[in-house]
Amino acid sequence: MTWNWQQAGWPRFTSNAKQLDAFEKRLLLGAGVSFGAVKHLSEDDY
């Protein structure tokens, strides 16, 4: 694995919104599930 500054195009990176869309959806779903689970904990559960 290389450091960011070792990659070609540094520091002018490009991204593809369609490729990132699936990752963003998974992140938001996981965050929502985690938030929902923590919301149901009482102070005694911490």
PDB file of N, CA and C in Angstrom:
ATOM      1  N   MET A   1       0.848  -1.182   0.000  1.00  0.00           N
ATOM      2  CA  MET A   1       0.000   0.000   0.000  1.00  0.00           C
ATOM      3  C   MET A   1       0.890   1.239   0.000  1.00  0.00           C
ATOM      4  N   THR A   2       0.486   2.208  -0.768  1.00  0.00           N
ATOM      5  CA  THR A   2       1.276   3.435  -0.846  1.00  0.00           C
ATOM      6  C   THR A   2       0.579   4.554  -0.072  1.00  0.00           C
ATOM      7  N   TRP A   3       1.365   5.530   0.288  1.00  0.00           N
ATOM      8  CA  TRP A   3       0.819   6.723   0.936  1.00  0.00           C
ATOM      9  C   TRP A   3       0.105   7.561  -0.107  1.00  0.00           C
ATOM     10  N   ASN A   4      -0.812   8.430   0.357  1.00  0.00           N
ATOM     11  CA  ASN A   4      -1.535   9.303  -0.581  1.00  0.00           C
ATOM     12  C   ASN A   4      -0.576  10.084  -1.462  1.00  0.00           C
ATOM     13  N   TRP A   5       0.434  10.659  -0.862  1.00  0.00           N
ATOM     14  CA  TRP A   5       1.347  11.514  -1.617  1.00  0.00           C
ATOM     15  C   TRP A   5       2.235  10.733  -2.576  1.00  0.00           C
ATOM     16  N   GLN A   6       2.226   9.403  -2.503  1.00  0.00           N
ATOM     17  CA  GLN A   6       3.007   8.585  -3.425  1.00  0.00           C
ATOM     18  C   GLN A   6       2.193   8.161  -4.644  1.00  0.00           C
ATOM     19  N   GLN A   7       0.907   8.390  -4.626  1.00  0.00           N
ATOM     20  CA  GLN A   7       0.046   7.958  -5.721  1.00  0.00           C
ATOM     21  C   GLN A   7       0.097   8.942  -6.887  1.00  0.00           C
ATOM     22  N   ALA A   8      -0.096   8.395  -8.072  1.00  0.00           N
ATOM     23  CA  ALA A   8      -0.104   9.226  -9.276  1.00  0.00           C
ATOM     24  C   ALA A   8      -1.240  10.246  -9.177  1.00  0.00           C
ATOM     25  N   GLY A   9      -0.983  11.450  -9.613  1.00  0.00           N
ATOM     26  CA  GLY A   9      -2.008  12.477  -9.598  1.00  0.00           C
ATOM     27  C   GLY A   9      -2.086  13.272  -8.310  1.00  0.00           C
ATOM     28  N   TRP A  10      -1.237  12.940  -7.356  1.00  0.00           N
ATOM     29  CA  TRP A  10      -1.248  13.672  -6.094  1.00  0.00           C
ATOM     30  C   TRP A  10      -0.921  15.125  -6.344  1.00  0.00           C
ATOM     31  N   PRO A  11      -1.577  16.085  -5.823  1.00  0.00           N
ATOM     32  CA  PRO A  11      -2.764  16.052  -4.960  1.00  0.00           C
ATOM     33  C   PRO A  11      -4.058  16.273  -5.730  1.00  0.00           C
ATOM     34  N   ARG A  12      -4.068  16.033  -7.014  1.00  0.00           N
ATOM     35  CA  ARG A  12      -5.266  16.267  -7.829  1.00  0.00           C
ATOM     36  C   ARG A  12      -6.017  14.956  -8.080  1.00  0.00           C
ATOM     37  N   PHE A  13      -6.698  14.489  -7.051  1.00  0.00           N
ATOM     38  CA  PHE A  13      -7.446  13.239  -7.173  1.00  0.00           C
ATOM     39  C   PHE A  13      -8.782  13.487  -7.851  1.00  0.00           C
ATOM     40  N   THR A  14      -9.271  12.468  -8.505  1.00  0.00           N
ATOM     41  CA  THR A  14     -10.611  12.522  -9.090  1.00  0.00           C
ATOM     42  C   THR A  14     -11.422  11.378  -8.491  1.00  0.00           C
ATOM     43  N   SER A  15     -12.717  11.509  -8.559  1.00  0.00           N
ATOM     44  CA  SER A  15     -13.580  10.442  -8.050  1.00  0.00           C
ATOM     45  C   SER A  15     -14.762  10.266  -8.982  1.00  0.00           C
ATOM     46  N   ASN A  16     -15.385   9.138  -8.861  1.00  0.00           N
ATOM     47  CA  ASN A  16     -16.554   8.803  -9.658  1.00  0.00           C
ATOM     48  C   ASN A  16     -17.725   8.650  -8.688  1.00  0.00           C
ATOM     49  N   ALA A  17     -18.688   9.563  -8.764  1.00  0.00           N
ATOM     50  CA  ALA A  17     -19.811   9.563  -7.816  1.00  0.00           C
ATOM     51  C   ALA A  17     -20.598   8.258  -7.877  1.00  0.00           C
ATOM     52  N   LYS A  18     -20.734   7.668  -9.056  1.00  0.00           N
ATOM     53  CA  LYS A  18     -21.481   6.410  -9.171  1.00  0.00           C
ATOM     54  C   LYS A  18     -20.775   5.275  -8.427  1.00  0.00           C
ATOM     55  N   GLN A  19     -19.463   5.240  -8.487  1.00  0.00           N
ATOM     56  CA  GLN A  19     -18.718   4.200  -7.786  1.00  0.00           C
ATOM     57  C   GLN A  19     -18.804   4.389  -6.276  1.00  0.00           C
ATOM     58  N   LEU A  20     -18.812   5.621  -5.823  1.00  0.00           N
ATOM     59  CA  LEU A  20     -18.862   5.898  -4.390  1.00  0.00           C
ATOM     60  C   LEU A  20     -20.264   5.755  -3.815  1.00  0.00           C
ATOM     61  N   ASP A  21     -21.287   5.798  -4.645  1.00  0.00           N
ATOM     62  CA  ASP A  21     -22.666   5.763  -4.193  1.00  0.00           C
ATOM     63  C   ASP A  21     -22.979   4.516  -3.365  1.00  0.00           C
ATOM     64  N   ALA A  22     -22.557   3.359  -3.831  1.00  0.00           N
ATOM     65  CA  ALA A  22     -22.836   2.113  -3.104  1.00  0.00           C
ATOM     66  C   ALA A  22     -22.146   2.111  -1.748  1.00  0.00           C
ATOM     67  N   PHE A  23     -20.920   2.596  -1.677  1.00  0.00           N
ATOM     68  CA  PHE A  23     -20.206   2.663  -0.400  1.00  0.00           C
ATOM     69  C   PHE A  23     -20.889   3.635   0.559  1.00  0.00           C
ATOM     70  N   GLU A  24     -21.351   4.758   0.023  1.00  0.00           N
ATOM     71  CA  GLU A  24     -22.030   5.754   0.857  1.00  0.00           C
ATOM     72  C   GLU A  24     -23.332   5.183   1.424  1.00  0.00           C
ATOM     73  N   LYS A  25     -24.074   4.450   0.618  1.00  0.00           N
ATOM     74  CA  LYS A  25     -25.317   3.842   1.084  1.00  0.00           C
ATOM     75  C   LYS A  25     -25.049   2.839   2.194  1.00  0.00           C
ATOM     76  N   ARG A  26     -24.013   2.020   2.037  1.00  0.00           N
ATOM     77  CA  ARG A  26     -23.663   1.042   3.082  1.00  0.00           C
ATOM     78  C   ARG A  26     -23.251   1.741   4.360  1.00  0.00           C
ATOM     79  N   LEU A  27     -22.480   2.814   4.247  1.00  0.00           N
ATOM     80  CA  LEU A  27     -22.048   3.575   5.408  1.00  0.00           C
ATOM     81  C   LEU A  27     -23.249   4.153   6.148  1.00  0.00           C
ATOM     82  N   LEU A  28     -24.151   4.794   5.412  1.00  0.00           N
ATOM     83  CA  LEU A  28     -25.312   5.419   6.041  1.00  0.00           C
ATOM     84  C   LEU A  28     -26.235   4.382   6.678  1.00  0.00           C
ATOM     85  N   LEU A  29     -26.416   3.239   6.029  1.00  0.00           N
ATOM     86  CA  LEU A  29     -27.243   2.182   6.596  1.00  0.00           C
ATOM     87  C   LEU A  29     -26.625   1.651   7.886  1.00  0.00           C
ATOM     88  N   GLY A  30     -25.330   1.389   7.855  1.00  0.00           N
ATOM     89  CA  GLY A  30     -24.648   0.895   9.052  1.00  0.00           C
ATOM     90  C   GLY A  30     -24.681   1.909  10.183  1.00  0.00           C
ATOM     91  N   ALA A  31     -24.496   3.180   9.849  1.00  0.00           N
ATOM     92  CA  ALA A  31     -24.541   4.223  10.878  1.00  0.00           C
ATOM     93  C   ALA A  31     -25.941   4.309  11.477  1.00  0.00           C
ATOM     94  N   GLY A  32     -26.958   4.192  10.644  1.00  0.00           N
ATOM     95  CA  GLY A  32     -28.334   4.241  11.134  1.00  0.00           C
ATOM     96  C   GLY A  32     -28.652   3.077  12.049  1.00  0.00           C
ATOM     97  N   VAL A  33     -28.193   1.891  11.684  1.00  0.00           N
ATOM     98  CA  VAL A  33     -28.412   0.705  12.520  1.00  0.00           C
ATOM     99  C   VAL A  33     -27.702   0.878  13.861  1.00  0.00           C
ATOM    100  N   SER A  34     -26.469   1.341  13.823  1.00  0.00           N
ATOM    101  CA  SER A  34     -25.709   1.548  15.061  1.00  0.00           C
ATOM    102  C   SER A  34     -26.363   2.605  15.937  1.00  0.00           C
ATOM    103  N   PHE A  35     -26.772   3.706  15.337  1.00  0.00           N
ATOM    104  CA  PHE A  35     -27.416   4.780  16.091  1.00  0.00           C
ATOM    105  C   PHE A  35     -28.712   4.274  16.721  1.00  0.00           C
ATOM    106  N   GLY A  36     -29.490   3.526  15.965  1.00  0.00           N
ATOM    107  CA  GLY A  36     -30.745   2.983  16.480  1.00  0.00           C
ATOM    108  C   GLY A  36     -30.521   2.031  17.637  1.00  0.00           C
ATOM    109  N   ALA A  37     -29.492   1.214  17.559  1.00  0.00           N
ATOM    110  CA  ALA A  37     -29.197   0.273  18.640  1.00  0.00           C
ATOM    111  C   ALA A  37     -28.763   1.009  19.898  1.00  0.00           C
ATOM    112  N   VAL A  38     -27.904   1.992  19.765  1.00  0.00           N
ATOM    113  CA  VAL A  38     -27.409   2.753  20.919  1.00  0.00           C
ATOM    114  C   VAL A  38     -28.535   3.572  21.536  1.00  0.00           C
ATOM    115  N   LYS A  39     -29.460   4.040  20.718  1.00  0.00           N
ATOM    116  CA  LYS A  39     -30.568   4.868  21.204  1.00  0.00           C
ATOM    117  C   LYS A  39     -31.429   4.104  22.205  1.00  0.00           C
ATOM    118  N   HIS A  40     -31.454   2.783  22.106  1.00  0.00           N
ATOM    119  CA  HIS A  40     -32.297   1.973  22.989  1.00  0.00           C
ATOM    120  C   HIS A  40     -31.575   1.504  24.249  1.00  0.00           C
ATOM    121  N   LEU A  41     -30.329   1.895  24.427  1.00  0.00           N
ATOM    122  CA  LEU A  41     -29.594   1.528  25.633  1.00  0.00           C
ATOM    123  C   LEU A  41     -29.924   2.510  26.753  1.00  0.00           C
ATOM    124  N   SER A  42     -29.976   1.997  27.953  1.00  0.00           N
ATOM    125  CA  SER A  42     -30.155   2.885  29.101  1.00  0.00           C
ATOM    126  C   SER A  42     -28.779   3.250  29.653  1.00  0.00           C
ATOM    127  N   GLU A  43     -28.736   4.192  30.590  1.00  0.00           N
ATOM    128  CA  GLU A  43     -27.461   4.590  31.179  1.00  0.00           C
ATOM    129  C   GLU A  43     -26.795   3.416  31.899  1.00  0.00           C
ATOM    130  N   ASP A  44     -27.587   2.494  32.426  1.00  0.00           N
ATOM    131  CA  ASP A  44     -27.027   1.315  33.118  1.00  0.00           C
ATOM    132  C   ASP A  44     -26.314   0.375  32.146  1.00  0.00           C
ATOM    133  N   ASP A  45     -26.706   0.430  30.867  1.00  0.00           N
ATOM    134  CA  ASP A  45     -26.096  -0.441  29.858  1.00  0.00           C
ATOM    135  C   ASP A  45     -24.730   0.053  29.414  1.00  0.00           C
ATOM    136  N   TYR A  46     -24.413   1.325  29.653  1.00  0.00           N
ATOM    137  CA  TYR A  46     -23.132   1.855  29.228  1.00  0.00           C
ATOM    138  C   TYR A  46     -22.099   1.224  30.064  1.00  0.00           C
TER     139      TYR A  46
END
